[in-house]
Amino acid sequence: MITTPEGRAIAGRIRRGGPASGRSRSRVLPSPETAGSGNDAVSDSFKTAFSLLGHTGGMEQKVHFITLSTPDLDAARAFYRGGLGWTPLLDVPGEIIFFQVAPGMVLGLFDAEKFVADMHGTTADGKLGGLTLSTNVPTPADVDTTVRRAVEAGGTLVKPPQTAAFGGYHGHVADPNGVIWEICHNPGWRLDDTGRVHLGLVETE
C-alpha cells in the first residue's frame, strides 16, 4: 500500500486509468451474453473480442500489474533507471517504482517491508523464488549486448549467453535484488498486429 498522499493519488490514477481523485471509479465490462444488447453488430464484436481474450464469463485472461517484493529499492532504482536507462511511470522514494513494460502492463518494484505489510503479514519474508522475467530481443547479438549491459549496470551473471534447449539463444542476469531476467532471442515467438502472441516450434540441430 502506498502511504504518501502524492503516491496514493498518482497510483490511483494509474490503476483507474483516469485523473486522480478522492473517489474511486471503476468500469465493469459487459459479458459476451449482454454486450451490445439490441445491436447484433456490436454484440458480435464484443463476443469476438471476449473470445480472443479467453473470456468465458469469469476473470479476464489479463495481467495488468506484476509487483515484486524488493529488499533494496535504491539499488533497484540505480539498476533500472541509472544502469539500463528505463523511465519510471511513477517513483515514490522508499515505497515503490512503477515501469510500464508493455501496452497495459506495469512492473512494480515494491519495498519489501511495505510489501509484507500490504499482505497483512501473511508472507514470511517477502523474498522471491522460482521466478524469472523474460524479454525477447531481435537477434542473438542483441542477447550478448543486453546481458553485458545489465552486468555493467550492477547485475549478476547467472547464465552466460548460449544456445537454448528449445533452439533459441539466451542468457540470464539477476538484478541487485535477485530478480532473474532471461534475455532471449526466440525465433518461434511472434507478436501480430493485434498484440496477440504466437509461439511456434524452433528447429534444433
N, C-alpha and C. Protein backbone atom coordinates (compact mmCIF):
# COMPACT_ATOMS: atom_id res chain seq x y z
N MET A 1 0.85 -1.19 0.00
CA MET A 1 0.00 0.00 0.00
C MET A 1 0.88 1.24 0.00
N ILE A 2 0.60 2.20 -0.90
CA ILE A 2 1.34 3.45 -0.95
C ILE A 2 0.81 4.36 0.16
N THR A 3 1.71 4.89 0.97
CA THR A 3 1.28 5.61 2.17
C THR A 3 1.33 7.12 2.03
N THR A 4 2.12 7.66 1.08
CA THR A 4 2.17 9.11 0.94
C THR A 4 0.97 9.58 0.13
N PRO A 5 0.41 10.78 0.46
CA PRO A 5 -0.76 11.28 -0.27
C PRO A 5 -0.51 11.39 -1.76
N GLU A 6 0.70 11.89 -2.15
CA GLU A 6 1.01 12.04 -3.57
C GLU A 6 1.06 10.69 -4.25
N GLY A 7 1.71 9.73 -3.57
CA GLY A 7 1.81 8.40 -4.15
C GLY A 7 0.45 7.75 -4.32
N ARG A 8 -0.43 7.89 -3.30
CA ARG A 8 -1.76 7.30 -3.39
C ARG A 8 -2.54 7.90 -4.55
N ALA A 9 -2.44 9.22 -4.71
CA ALA A 9 -3.20 9.90 -5.76
C ALA A 9 -2.76 9.46 -7.14
N ILE A 10 -1.44 9.45 -7.36
CA ILE A 10 -0.93 9.10 -8.70
C ILE A 10 -1.15 7.63 -8.99
N ALA A 11 -0.88 6.77 -8.01
CA ALA A 11 -1.08 5.34 -8.22
C ALA A 11 -2.55 5.04 -8.48
N GLY A 12 -3.44 5.78 -7.79
CA GLY A 12 -4.86 5.59 -8.04
C GLY A 12 -5.23 5.96 -9.46
N ARG A 13 -4.61 7.02 -9.94
CA ARG A 13 -4.87 7.45 -11.32
C ARG A 13 -4.41 6.40 -12.31
N ILE A 14 -3.22 5.81 -12.06
CA ILE A 14 -2.69 4.79 -12.95
C ILE A 14 -3.61 3.58 -12.98
N ARG A 15 -4.02 3.10 -11.78
CA ARG A 15 -4.83 1.89 -11.72
C ARG A 15 -6.22 2.09 -12.33
N ARG A 16 -6.78 3.32 -12.17
CA ARG A 16 -8.13 3.56 -12.68
C ARG A 16 -8.13 4.04 -14.11
N GLY A 17 -6.96 4.49 -14.60
CA GLY A 17 -6.89 4.97 -15.96
C GLY A 17 -7.49 6.34 -16.16
N GLY A 18 -7.59 7.13 -15.09
CA GLY A 18 -8.17 8.46 -15.22
C GLY A 18 -7.54 9.40 -14.22
N PRO A 19 -8.05 10.64 -14.09
CA PRO A 19 -7.47 11.63 -13.19
C PRO A 19 -7.54 11.16 -11.74
N ALA A 20 -6.49 11.50 -10.96
CA ALA A 20 -6.51 11.16 -9.53
C ALA A 20 -7.58 11.96 -8.83
N SER A 21 -8.31 11.31 -7.97
CA SER A 21 -9.34 12.00 -7.21
C SER A 21 -9.55 11.26 -5.91
N GLY A 22 -10.35 11.82 -5.05
CA GLY A 22 -10.59 11.19 -3.77
C GLY A 22 -11.63 10.09 -3.85
N ARG A 23 -12.23 9.90 -5.02
CA ARG A 23 -13.28 8.90 -5.13
C ARG A 23 -12.90 7.88 -6.20
N SER A 24 -12.94 6.61 -5.84
CA SER A 24 -12.56 5.55 -6.77
C SER A 24 -13.59 5.42 -7.86
N ARG A 25 -13.10 5.17 -9.08
CA ARG A 25 -14.01 4.94 -10.19
C ARG A 25 -13.68 3.59 -10.80
N SER A 26 -14.65 2.86 -11.20
CA SER A 26 -14.41 1.57 -11.83
C SER A 26 -15.35 1.42 -13.01
N ARG A 27 -14.98 0.56 -13.93
CA ARG A 27 -15.79 0.32 -15.12
C ARG A 27 -15.97 -1.17 -15.26
N VAL A 28 -17.20 -1.63 -15.35
CA VAL A 28 -17.49 -3.04 -15.49
C VAL A 28 -17.72 -3.36 -16.96
N LEU A 29 -16.92 -4.27 -17.50
CA LEU A 29 -17.09 -4.66 -18.88
C LEU A 29 -18.29 -5.58 -19.01
N PRO A 30 -19.07 -5.42 -20.07
CA PRO A 30 -20.21 -6.31 -20.27
C PRO A 30 -19.76 -7.71 -20.59
N SER A 31 -20.61 -8.68 -20.30
CA SER A 31 -20.30 -10.06 -20.64
C SER A 31 -20.65 -10.30 -22.10
N PRO A 32 -20.14 -11.39 -22.69
CA PRO A 32 -20.49 -11.68 -24.08
C PRO A 32 -21.99 -11.84 -24.28
N GLU A 33 -22.70 -12.28 -23.23
CA GLU A 33 -24.14 -12.50 -23.36
C GLU A 33 -24.92 -11.20 -23.37
N THR A 34 -24.43 -10.16 -22.64
CA THR A 34 -25.18 -8.91 -22.54
C THR A 34 -24.60 -7.79 -23.37
N ALA A 35 -23.41 -7.97 -23.89
CA ALA A 35 -22.75 -6.90 -24.65
C ALA A 35 -23.56 -6.55 -25.89
N GLY A 36 -23.72 -5.23 -26.09
CA GLY A 36 -24.37 -4.78 -27.32
C GLY A 36 -25.82 -5.19 -27.42
N SER A 37 -26.49 -5.34 -26.32
CA SER A 37 -27.89 -5.74 -26.31
C SER A 37 -28.70 -4.83 -27.22
N GLY A 38 -29.43 -5.45 -28.15
CA GLY A 38 -30.25 -4.66 -29.08
C GLY A 38 -29.50 -4.26 -30.33
N ASN A 39 -28.22 -4.60 -30.42
CA ASN A 39 -27.43 -4.27 -31.60
C ASN A 39 -26.57 -5.48 -31.94
N ASP A 40 -27.00 -6.26 -32.92
CA ASP A 40 -26.33 -7.51 -33.23
C ASP A 40 -24.88 -7.32 -33.64
N ALA A 41 -24.59 -6.22 -34.38
CA ALA A 41 -23.22 -5.99 -34.85
C ALA A 41 -22.30 -5.73 -33.67
N VAL A 42 -22.74 -4.87 -32.75
CA VAL A 42 -21.93 -4.58 -31.57
C VAL A 42 -21.78 -5.82 -30.72
N SER A 43 -22.88 -6.56 -30.56
CA SER A 43 -22.86 -7.78 -29.76
C SER A 43 -21.85 -8.77 -30.31
N ASP A 44 -21.86 -8.99 -31.62
CA ASP A 44 -20.92 -9.92 -32.24
C ASP A 44 -19.49 -9.46 -32.06
N SER A 45 -19.29 -8.13 -32.14
CA SER A 45 -17.94 -7.58 -31.97
C SER A 45 -17.42 -7.87 -30.57
N PHE A 46 -18.28 -7.65 -29.55
CA PHE A 46 -17.87 -7.91 -28.18
C PHE A 46 -17.59 -9.39 -27.98
N LYS A 47 -18.45 -10.25 -28.53
CA LYS A 47 -18.24 -11.69 -28.37
C LYS A 47 -16.93 -12.13 -28.98
N THR A 48 -16.58 -11.57 -30.13
CA THR A 48 -15.30 -11.89 -30.76
C THR A 48 -14.15 -11.45 -29.89
N ALA A 49 -14.24 -10.21 -29.35
CA ALA A 49 -13.17 -9.69 -28.50
C ALA A 49 -13.00 -10.54 -27.25
N PHE A 50 -14.10 -10.90 -26.61
CA PHE A 50 -14.02 -11.72 -25.41
C PHE A 50 -13.47 -13.09 -25.73
N SER A 51 -13.83 -13.63 -26.88
CA SER A 51 -13.32 -14.94 -27.28
C SER A 51 -11.82 -14.91 -27.45
N LEU A 52 -11.32 -13.85 -28.10
CA LEU A 52 -9.88 -13.72 -28.32
C LEU A 52 -9.12 -13.57 -27.02
N LEU A 53 -9.76 -12.95 -26.02
CA LEU A 53 -9.11 -12.75 -24.73
C LEU A 53 -9.26 -13.95 -23.81
N GLY A 54 -9.94 -14.99 -24.28
CA GLY A 54 -10.13 -16.16 -23.45
C GLY A 54 -11.14 -15.93 -22.35
N HIS A 55 -12.04 -14.95 -22.54
CA HIS A 55 -13.02 -14.64 -21.51
C HIS A 55 -14.18 -15.61 -21.60
N THR A 56 -14.50 -16.29 -20.51
CA THR A 56 -15.57 -17.29 -20.52
C THR A 56 -16.60 -16.97 -19.45
N GLY A 57 -16.72 -15.71 -19.06
CA GLY A 57 -17.67 -15.34 -18.03
C GLY A 57 -17.03 -15.22 -16.66
N GLY A 58 -15.77 -15.62 -16.51
CA GLY A 58 -15.06 -15.48 -15.25
C GLY A 58 -14.12 -14.29 -15.33
N MET A 59 -12.96 -14.41 -14.69
CA MET A 59 -11.96 -13.34 -14.75
C MET A 59 -11.30 -13.30 -16.12
N GLU A 60 -11.13 -12.10 -16.64
CA GLU A 60 -10.48 -11.97 -17.95
C GLU A 60 -9.04 -12.47 -17.91
N GLN A 61 -8.59 -13.01 -19.02
CA GLN A 61 -7.24 -13.56 -19.14
C GLN A 61 -6.26 -12.42 -19.42
N LYS A 62 -6.00 -11.64 -18.37
CA LYS A 62 -5.13 -10.46 -18.49
C LYS A 62 -4.33 -10.30 -17.22
N VAL A 63 -3.15 -9.71 -17.35
CA VAL A 63 -2.36 -9.27 -16.20
C VAL A 63 -1.98 -7.82 -16.46
N HIS A 64 -2.33 -6.92 -15.55
CA HIS A 64 -2.01 -5.50 -15.73
C HIS A 64 -0.82 -5.06 -14.89
N PHE A 65 -0.65 -5.66 -13.70
CA PHE A 65 0.45 -5.31 -12.81
C PHE A 65 1.19 -6.57 -12.39
N ILE A 66 2.51 -6.54 -12.45
CA ILE A 66 3.36 -7.54 -11.81
C ILE A 66 4.14 -6.79 -10.75
N THR A 67 3.94 -7.13 -9.49
CA THR A 67 4.56 -6.41 -8.38
C THR A 67 5.54 -7.33 -7.66
N LEU A 68 6.78 -6.91 -7.57
CA LEU A 68 7.83 -7.72 -6.96
C LEU A 68 8.28 -7.13 -5.63
N SER A 69 8.35 -7.96 -4.61
CA SER A 69 8.91 -7.54 -3.33
C SER A 69 10.38 -7.22 -3.53
N THR A 70 10.82 -6.04 -3.08
CA THR A 70 12.16 -5.54 -3.38
C THR A 70 12.88 -5.10 -2.12
N PRO A 71 13.83 -5.93 -1.62
CA PRO A 71 14.53 -5.60 -0.37
C PRO A 71 15.30 -4.28 -0.41
N ASP A 72 15.93 -3.95 -1.55
CA ASP A 72 16.72 -2.73 -1.67
C ASP A 72 16.20 -1.91 -2.83
N LEU A 73 15.27 -1.01 -2.55
CA LEU A 73 14.64 -0.22 -3.59
C LEU A 73 15.62 0.75 -4.24
N ASP A 74 16.56 1.28 -3.45
CA ASP A 74 17.54 2.21 -4.02
C ASP A 74 18.45 1.51 -5.02
N ALA A 75 18.85 0.28 -4.71
CA ALA A 75 19.69 -0.49 -5.64
C ALA A 75 18.92 -0.81 -6.91
N ALA A 76 17.63 -1.11 -6.76
CA ALA A 76 16.79 -1.38 -7.93
C ALA A 76 16.67 -0.15 -8.80
N ARG A 77 16.49 1.01 -8.16
CA ARG A 77 16.39 2.27 -8.91
C ARG A 77 17.68 2.54 -9.69
N ALA A 78 18.81 2.34 -9.05
CA ALA A 78 20.09 2.57 -9.72
C ALA A 78 20.28 1.62 -10.90
N PHE A 79 19.83 0.36 -10.73
CA PHE A 79 19.99 -0.64 -11.79
C PHE A 79 19.10 -0.34 -12.99
N TYR A 80 17.81 -0.16 -12.74
CA TYR A 80 16.86 0.00 -13.85
C TYR A 80 16.89 1.40 -14.45
N ARG A 81 16.91 2.43 -13.59
CA ARG A 81 16.92 3.80 -14.11
C ARG A 81 18.31 4.23 -14.55
N GLY A 82 19.27 4.14 -13.64
CA GLY A 82 20.61 4.61 -13.95
C GLY A 82 21.37 3.70 -14.89
N GLY A 83 21.30 2.38 -14.64
CA GLY A 83 22.07 1.43 -15.43
C GLY A 83 21.46 1.10 -16.78
N LEU A 84 20.19 0.70 -16.77
CA LEU A 84 19.54 0.27 -18.02
C LEU A 84 18.83 1.40 -18.75
N GLY A 85 18.67 2.55 -18.08
CA GLY A 85 18.06 3.70 -18.74
C GLY A 85 16.55 3.64 -18.85
N TRP A 86 15.90 2.83 -18.00
CA TRP A 86 14.44 2.76 -18.04
C TRP A 86 13.83 4.03 -17.45
N THR A 87 12.66 4.41 -17.98
CA THR A 87 11.94 5.59 -17.50
C THR A 87 10.77 5.15 -16.63
N PRO A 88 10.72 5.56 -15.36
CA PRO A 88 9.62 5.13 -14.49
C PRO A 88 8.30 5.80 -14.85
N LEU A 89 7.23 5.05 -14.65
CA LEU A 89 5.89 5.60 -14.78
C LEU A 89 5.56 6.39 -13.52
N LEU A 90 6.05 5.90 -12.39
CA LEU A 90 5.86 6.53 -11.09
C LEU A 90 6.97 6.05 -10.16
N ASP A 91 7.58 6.96 -9.43
CA ASP A 91 8.64 6.61 -8.49
C ASP A 91 8.33 7.30 -7.16
N VAL A 92 7.97 6.49 -6.16
CA VAL A 92 7.70 7.01 -4.82
C VAL A 92 8.85 6.55 -3.93
N PRO A 93 9.84 7.41 -3.64
CA PRO A 93 11.02 7.01 -2.85
C PRO A 93 10.63 6.32 -1.55
N GLY A 94 11.31 5.21 -1.28
CA GLY A 94 11.06 4.47 -0.05
C GLY A 94 9.84 3.56 -0.10
N GLU A 95 9.13 3.58 -1.23
CA GLU A 95 7.91 2.77 -1.31
C GLU A 95 7.85 1.89 -2.55
N ILE A 96 7.76 2.50 -3.73
CA ILE A 96 7.53 1.69 -4.94
C ILE A 96 7.98 2.44 -6.19
N ILE A 97 8.40 1.69 -7.19
CA ILE A 97 8.71 2.24 -8.51
C ILE A 97 7.90 1.44 -9.53
N PHE A 98 7.18 2.15 -10.41
CA PHE A 98 6.43 1.51 -11.48
C PHE A 98 7.11 1.79 -12.82
N PHE A 99 7.23 0.75 -13.65
CA PHE A 99 7.71 0.89 -15.02
C PHE A 99 6.66 0.28 -15.94
N GLN A 100 6.28 1.01 -17.00
CA GLN A 100 5.41 0.40 -18.00
C GLN A 100 6.29 -0.44 -18.90
N VAL A 101 5.97 -1.74 -19.01
CA VAL A 101 6.83 -2.66 -19.75
C VAL A 101 6.16 -3.19 -21.02
N ALA A 102 4.88 -2.88 -21.20
CA ALA A 102 4.15 -3.29 -22.40
C ALA A 102 2.83 -2.53 -22.40
N PRO A 103 2.11 -2.50 -23.52
CA PRO A 103 0.80 -1.85 -23.52
C PRO A 103 -0.11 -2.45 -22.44
N GLY A 104 -0.54 -1.62 -21.50
CA GLY A 104 -1.42 -2.09 -20.45
C GLY A 104 -0.75 -2.93 -19.38
N MET A 105 0.56 -3.01 -19.38
CA MET A 105 1.29 -3.86 -18.44
C MET A 105 2.32 -3.04 -17.67
N VAL A 106 2.27 -3.12 -16.33
CA VAL A 106 3.17 -2.36 -15.47
C VAL A 106 3.93 -3.30 -14.53
N LEU A 107 5.23 -3.07 -14.42
CA LEU A 107 6.07 -3.79 -13.46
C LEU A 107 6.30 -2.89 -12.26
N GLY A 108 5.95 -3.36 -11.07
CA GLY A 108 6.14 -2.59 -9.85
C GLY A 108 7.20 -3.21 -8.97
N LEU A 109 8.13 -2.41 -8.50
CA LEU A 109 9.15 -2.85 -7.54
C LEU A 109 8.78 -2.23 -6.20
N PHE A 110 8.31 -3.05 -5.27
CA PHE A 110 7.69 -2.61 -4.03
C PHE A 110 8.63 -2.90 -2.86
N ASP A 111 8.92 -1.87 -2.05
CA ASP A 111 9.76 -2.06 -0.87
C ASP A 111 9.30 -3.29 -0.09
N ALA A 112 10.24 -4.18 0.26
CA ALA A 112 9.89 -5.48 0.83
C ALA A 112 9.08 -5.37 2.13
N GLU A 113 9.48 -4.46 3.02
CA GLU A 113 8.75 -4.33 4.28
C GLU A 113 7.31 -3.88 4.04
N LYS A 114 7.14 -2.95 3.12
CA LYS A 114 5.80 -2.46 2.82
C LYS A 114 5.00 -3.51 2.05
N PHE A 115 5.70 -4.33 1.27
CA PHE A 115 5.04 -5.43 0.57
C PHE A 115 4.41 -6.39 1.57
N VAL A 116 5.19 -6.78 2.60
CA VAL A 116 4.69 -7.69 3.63
C VAL A 116 3.52 -7.05 4.39
N ALA A 117 3.67 -5.75 4.70
CA ALA A 117 2.60 -5.06 5.43
C ALA A 117 1.32 -5.01 4.59
N ASP A 118 1.48 -4.82 3.27
CA ASP A 118 0.33 -4.76 2.38
C ASP A 118 -0.39 -6.10 2.31
N MET A 119 0.35 -7.20 2.53
CA MET A 119 -0.24 -8.54 2.56
C MET A 119 -0.73 -8.91 3.95
N HIS A 120 -0.76 -7.92 4.86
CA HIS A 120 -1.17 -8.13 6.25
C HIS A 120 -0.30 -9.16 6.95
N GLY A 121 1.00 -9.16 6.56
CA GLY A 121 1.96 -10.03 7.22
C GLY A 121 1.79 -11.49 6.90
N THR A 122 1.05 -11.82 5.83
CA THR A 122 0.81 -13.23 5.53
C THR A 122 1.96 -13.88 4.77
N THR A 123 2.90 -13.08 4.27
CA THR A 123 4.08 -13.66 3.64
C THR A 123 5.22 -13.65 4.64
N ALA A 124 6.00 -14.73 4.65
CA ALA A 124 7.03 -14.90 5.69
C ALA A 124 8.08 -13.80 5.64
N ASP A 125 8.66 -13.54 4.45
CA ASP A 125 9.75 -12.57 4.40
C ASP A 125 9.73 -11.71 3.13
N GLY A 126 8.80 -11.95 2.24
CA GLY A 126 8.71 -11.14 1.03
C GLY A 126 9.75 -11.47 -0.01
N LYS A 127 10.51 -12.56 0.18
CA LYS A 127 11.54 -12.92 -0.80
C LYS A 127 10.93 -13.67 -1.97
N LEU A 128 11.56 -13.49 -3.14
CA LEU A 128 11.10 -14.17 -4.34
C LEU A 128 11.83 -15.48 -4.53
N GLY A 129 11.19 -16.42 -5.18
CA GLY A 129 11.85 -17.67 -5.50
C GLY A 129 11.14 -18.35 -6.66
N GLY A 130 11.90 -19.07 -7.48
CA GLY A 130 11.30 -19.81 -8.57
C GLY A 130 10.61 -18.96 -9.61
N LEU A 131 11.19 -17.80 -9.94
CA LEU A 131 10.55 -16.88 -10.88
C LEU A 131 11.60 -16.25 -11.78
N THR A 132 11.29 -16.13 -13.06
CA THR A 132 12.12 -15.36 -13.98
C THR A 132 11.22 -14.42 -14.78
N LEU A 133 11.76 -13.28 -15.16
CA LEU A 133 11.13 -12.39 -16.12
C LEU A 133 11.93 -12.51 -17.41
N SER A 134 11.23 -12.53 -18.52
CA SER A 134 11.92 -12.74 -19.80
C SER A 134 11.57 -11.64 -20.79
N THR A 135 12.58 -11.21 -21.55
CA THR A 135 12.33 -10.27 -22.64
C THR A 135 12.95 -10.83 -23.91
N ASN A 136 12.23 -10.71 -25.00
CA ASN A 136 12.73 -11.20 -26.28
C ASN A 136 13.37 -10.07 -27.07
N VAL A 137 14.52 -10.33 -27.66
CA VAL A 137 15.25 -9.34 -28.45
C VAL A 137 15.41 -9.88 -29.87
N PRO A 138 15.68 -8.98 -30.85
CA PRO A 138 15.63 -9.39 -32.26
C PRO A 138 16.68 -10.40 -32.70
N THR A 139 17.90 -10.34 -32.15
CA THR A 139 18.97 -11.20 -32.66
C THR A 139 19.81 -11.76 -31.51
N PRO A 140 20.57 -12.84 -31.77
CA PRO A 140 21.50 -13.35 -30.76
C PRO A 140 22.51 -12.29 -30.31
N ALA A 141 22.93 -11.43 -31.24
CA ALA A 141 23.89 -10.37 -30.88
C ALA A 141 23.27 -9.42 -29.86
N ASP A 142 21.96 -9.20 -29.97
CA ASP A 142 21.28 -8.34 -29.01
C ASP A 142 21.24 -8.98 -27.63
N VAL A 143 21.18 -10.31 -27.59
CA VAL A 143 21.25 -11.01 -26.31
C VAL A 143 22.60 -10.71 -25.65
N ASP A 144 23.68 -10.88 -26.41
CA ASP A 144 25.02 -10.63 -25.88
C ASP A 144 25.14 -9.19 -25.35
N THR A 145 24.68 -8.24 -26.15
CA THR A 145 24.80 -6.83 -25.79
C THR A 145 23.98 -6.50 -24.54
N THR A 146 22.74 -7.00 -24.48
CA THR A 146 21.86 -6.68 -23.35
C THR A 146 22.36 -7.32 -22.06
N VAL A 147 22.83 -8.56 -22.14
CA VAL A 147 23.38 -9.22 -20.95
C VAL A 147 24.60 -8.46 -20.45
N ARG A 148 25.47 -8.07 -21.36
CA ARG A 148 26.67 -7.34 -20.96
C ARG A 148 26.31 -6.01 -20.30
N ARG A 149 25.35 -5.30 -20.87
CA ARG A 149 24.95 -4.01 -20.31
C ARG A 149 24.33 -4.18 -18.92
N ALA A 150 23.53 -5.24 -18.75
CA ALA A 150 22.90 -5.49 -17.45
C ALA A 150 23.95 -5.78 -16.38
N VAL A 151 24.97 -6.53 -16.73
CA VAL A 151 26.05 -6.84 -15.78
C VAL A 151 26.83 -5.56 -15.44
N GLU A 152 27.10 -4.75 -16.46
CA GLU A 152 27.81 -3.49 -16.23
C GLU A 152 26.98 -2.55 -15.34
N ALA A 153 25.65 -2.69 -15.36
CA ALA A 153 24.77 -1.84 -14.57
C ALA A 153 24.65 -2.31 -13.13
N GLY A 154 25.29 -3.44 -12.80
CA GLY A 154 25.24 -3.93 -11.43
C GLY A 154 24.56 -5.26 -11.26
N GLY A 155 24.15 -5.88 -12.37
CA GLY A 155 23.53 -7.19 -12.30
C GLY A 155 24.56 -8.29 -12.13
N THR A 156 24.10 -9.48 -11.80
CA THR A 156 24.97 -10.64 -11.62
C THR A 156 24.68 -11.65 -12.71
N LEU A 157 25.73 -12.07 -13.42
CA LEU A 157 25.57 -13.05 -14.49
C LEU A 157 25.20 -14.41 -13.88
N VAL A 158 24.06 -14.93 -14.28
CA VAL A 158 23.59 -16.23 -13.79
C VAL A 158 23.91 -17.33 -14.80
N LYS A 159 23.67 -17.03 -16.07
CA LYS A 159 23.92 -18.00 -17.15
C LYS A 159 24.42 -17.24 -18.37
N PRO A 160 25.65 -17.48 -18.78
CA PRO A 160 26.19 -16.76 -19.95
C PRO A 160 25.35 -17.04 -21.19
N PRO A 161 25.28 -16.09 -22.12
CA PRO A 161 24.51 -16.31 -23.35
C PRO A 161 24.96 -17.58 -24.08
N GLN A 162 23.99 -18.36 -24.51
CA GLN A 162 24.28 -19.65 -25.14
C GLN A 162 23.03 -20.14 -25.86
N THR A 163 23.22 -21.17 -26.70
CA THR A 163 22.09 -21.79 -27.39
C THR A 163 21.19 -22.45 -26.36
N ALA A 164 19.89 -22.18 -26.48
CA ALA A 164 18.93 -22.72 -25.53
C ALA A 164 18.44 -24.10 -25.96
N ALA A 165 17.93 -24.86 -25.02
CA ALA A 165 17.45 -26.21 -25.31
C ALA A 165 16.31 -26.20 -26.32
N PHE A 166 15.52 -25.10 -26.36
CA PHE A 166 14.40 -25.04 -27.28
C PHE A 166 14.81 -24.58 -28.68
N GLY A 167 16.10 -24.24 -28.86
CA GLY A 167 16.60 -23.87 -30.17
C GLY A 167 16.90 -22.40 -30.35
N GLY A 168 16.51 -21.56 -29.40
CA GLY A 168 16.83 -20.14 -29.48
C GLY A 168 18.19 -19.86 -28.84
N TYR A 169 18.36 -18.63 -28.38
CA TYR A 169 19.64 -18.21 -27.79
C TYR A 169 19.29 -17.31 -26.61
N HIS A 170 19.88 -17.58 -25.43
CA HIS A 170 19.51 -16.78 -24.27
C HIS A 170 20.62 -16.75 -23.23
N GLY A 171 20.46 -15.79 -22.30
CA GLY A 171 21.34 -15.68 -21.14
C GLY A 171 20.52 -15.14 -19.99
N HIS A 172 21.02 -15.35 -18.75
CA HIS A 172 20.27 -14.93 -17.56
C HIS A 172 21.11 -14.02 -16.68
N VAL A 173 20.47 -12.95 -16.20
CA VAL A 173 21.13 -11.99 -15.31
C VAL A 173 20.20 -11.70 -14.14
N ALA A 174 20.77 -11.63 -12.92
CA ALA A 174 19.99 -11.27 -11.74
C ALA A 174 20.20 -9.80 -11.43
N ASP A 175 19.11 -9.09 -11.13
CA ASP A 175 19.24 -7.69 -10.74
C ASP A 175 19.77 -7.63 -9.30
N PRO A 176 20.06 -6.44 -8.76
CA PRO A 176 20.66 -6.36 -7.42
C PRO A 176 19.82 -6.97 -6.30
N ASN A 177 18.53 -7.21 -6.55
CA ASN A 177 17.67 -7.83 -5.54
C ASN A 177 17.40 -9.31 -5.81
N GLY A 178 18.11 -9.85 -6.79
CA GLY A 178 17.98 -11.27 -7.07
C GLY A 178 16.91 -11.65 -8.07
N VAL A 179 16.22 -10.67 -8.67
CA VAL A 179 15.22 -10.98 -9.70
C VAL A 179 15.96 -11.40 -10.97
N ILE A 180 15.66 -12.59 -11.46
CA ILE A 180 16.38 -13.13 -12.61
C ILE A 180 15.67 -12.77 -13.91
N TRP A 181 16.43 -12.16 -14.80
CA TRP A 181 15.94 -11.82 -16.13
C TRP A 181 16.54 -12.79 -17.15
N GLU A 182 15.68 -13.33 -18.02
CA GLU A 182 16.14 -14.09 -19.17
C GLU A 182 16.13 -13.14 -20.37
N ILE A 183 17.30 -12.95 -20.97
CA ILE A 183 17.40 -12.16 -22.20
C ILE A 183 17.45 -13.17 -23.34
N CYS A 184 16.45 -13.13 -24.20
CA CYS A 184 16.25 -14.25 -25.12
C CYS A 184 16.01 -13.81 -26.56
N HIS A 185 16.59 -14.58 -27.49
CA HIS A 185 16.20 -14.49 -28.90
C HIS A 185 15.47 -15.79 -29.22
N ASN A 186 14.16 -15.68 -29.43
CA ASN A 186 13.34 -16.86 -29.69
C ASN A 186 12.66 -16.70 -31.04
N PRO A 187 13.18 -17.36 -32.10
CA PRO A 187 12.59 -17.22 -33.44
C PRO A 187 11.15 -17.71 -33.52
N GLY A 188 10.73 -18.52 -32.54
CA GLY A 188 9.37 -19.04 -32.55
C GLY A 188 8.35 -18.12 -31.92
N TRP A 189 8.82 -16.98 -31.37
CA TRP A 189 7.93 -16.01 -30.71
C TRP A 189 7.62 -14.89 -31.67
N ARG A 190 6.31 -14.61 -31.85
CA ARG A 190 5.90 -13.55 -32.77
C ARG A 190 4.70 -12.82 -32.22
N LEU A 191 4.67 -11.50 -32.43
CA LEU A 191 3.56 -10.66 -32.00
C LEU A 191 2.87 -10.12 -33.25
N ASP A 192 1.56 -10.40 -33.39
CA ASP A 192 0.89 -9.91 -34.59
C ASP A 192 0.36 -8.49 -34.38
N ASP A 193 -0.32 -7.95 -35.41
CA ASP A 193 -0.77 -6.56 -35.37
C ASP A 193 -1.83 -6.30 -34.29
N THR A 194 -2.48 -7.36 -33.81
CA THR A 194 -3.50 -7.19 -32.77
C THR A 194 -2.90 -7.27 -31.37
N GLY A 195 -1.59 -7.59 -31.29
CA GLY A 195 -0.95 -7.74 -29.99
C GLY A 195 -0.99 -9.17 -29.47
N ARG A 196 -1.53 -10.08 -30.24
CA ARG A 196 -1.62 -11.47 -29.84
C ARG A 196 -0.27 -12.16 -30.05
N VAL A 197 0.14 -12.95 -29.05
CA VAL A 197 1.41 -13.68 -29.14
C VAL A 197 1.21 -15.01 -29.85
N HIS A 198 2.14 -15.35 -30.73
CA HIS A 198 2.15 -16.65 -31.40
C HIS A 198 3.45 -17.35 -31.03
N LEU A 199 3.35 -18.59 -30.60
CA LEU A 199 4.52 -19.38 -30.22
C LEU A 199 4.61 -20.58 -31.16
N GLY A 200 5.75 -20.72 -31.81
CA GLY A 200 5.96 -21.85 -32.71
C GLY A 200 7.19 -22.64 -32.33
N LEU A 201 7.32 -23.81 -32.89
CA LEU A 201 8.48 -24.65 -32.63
C LEU A 201 9.69 -24.06 -33.34
N VAL A 202 10.84 -24.21 -32.72
CA VAL A 202 12.11 -23.77 -33.30
C VAL A 202 12.93 -25.02 -33.65
N GLU A 203 13.40 -25.07 -34.89
CA GLU A 203 14.19 -26.23 -35.29
C GLU A 203 15.51 -26.25 -34.53
N THR A 204 15.87 -27.42 -34.01
CA THR A 204 17.14 -27.59 -33.31
C THR A 204 18.00 -28.56 -34.08
N GLU A 205 19.31 -28.35 -33.95
CA GLU A 205 20.23 -29.22 -34.69
C GLU A 205 20.37 -30.56 -33.99
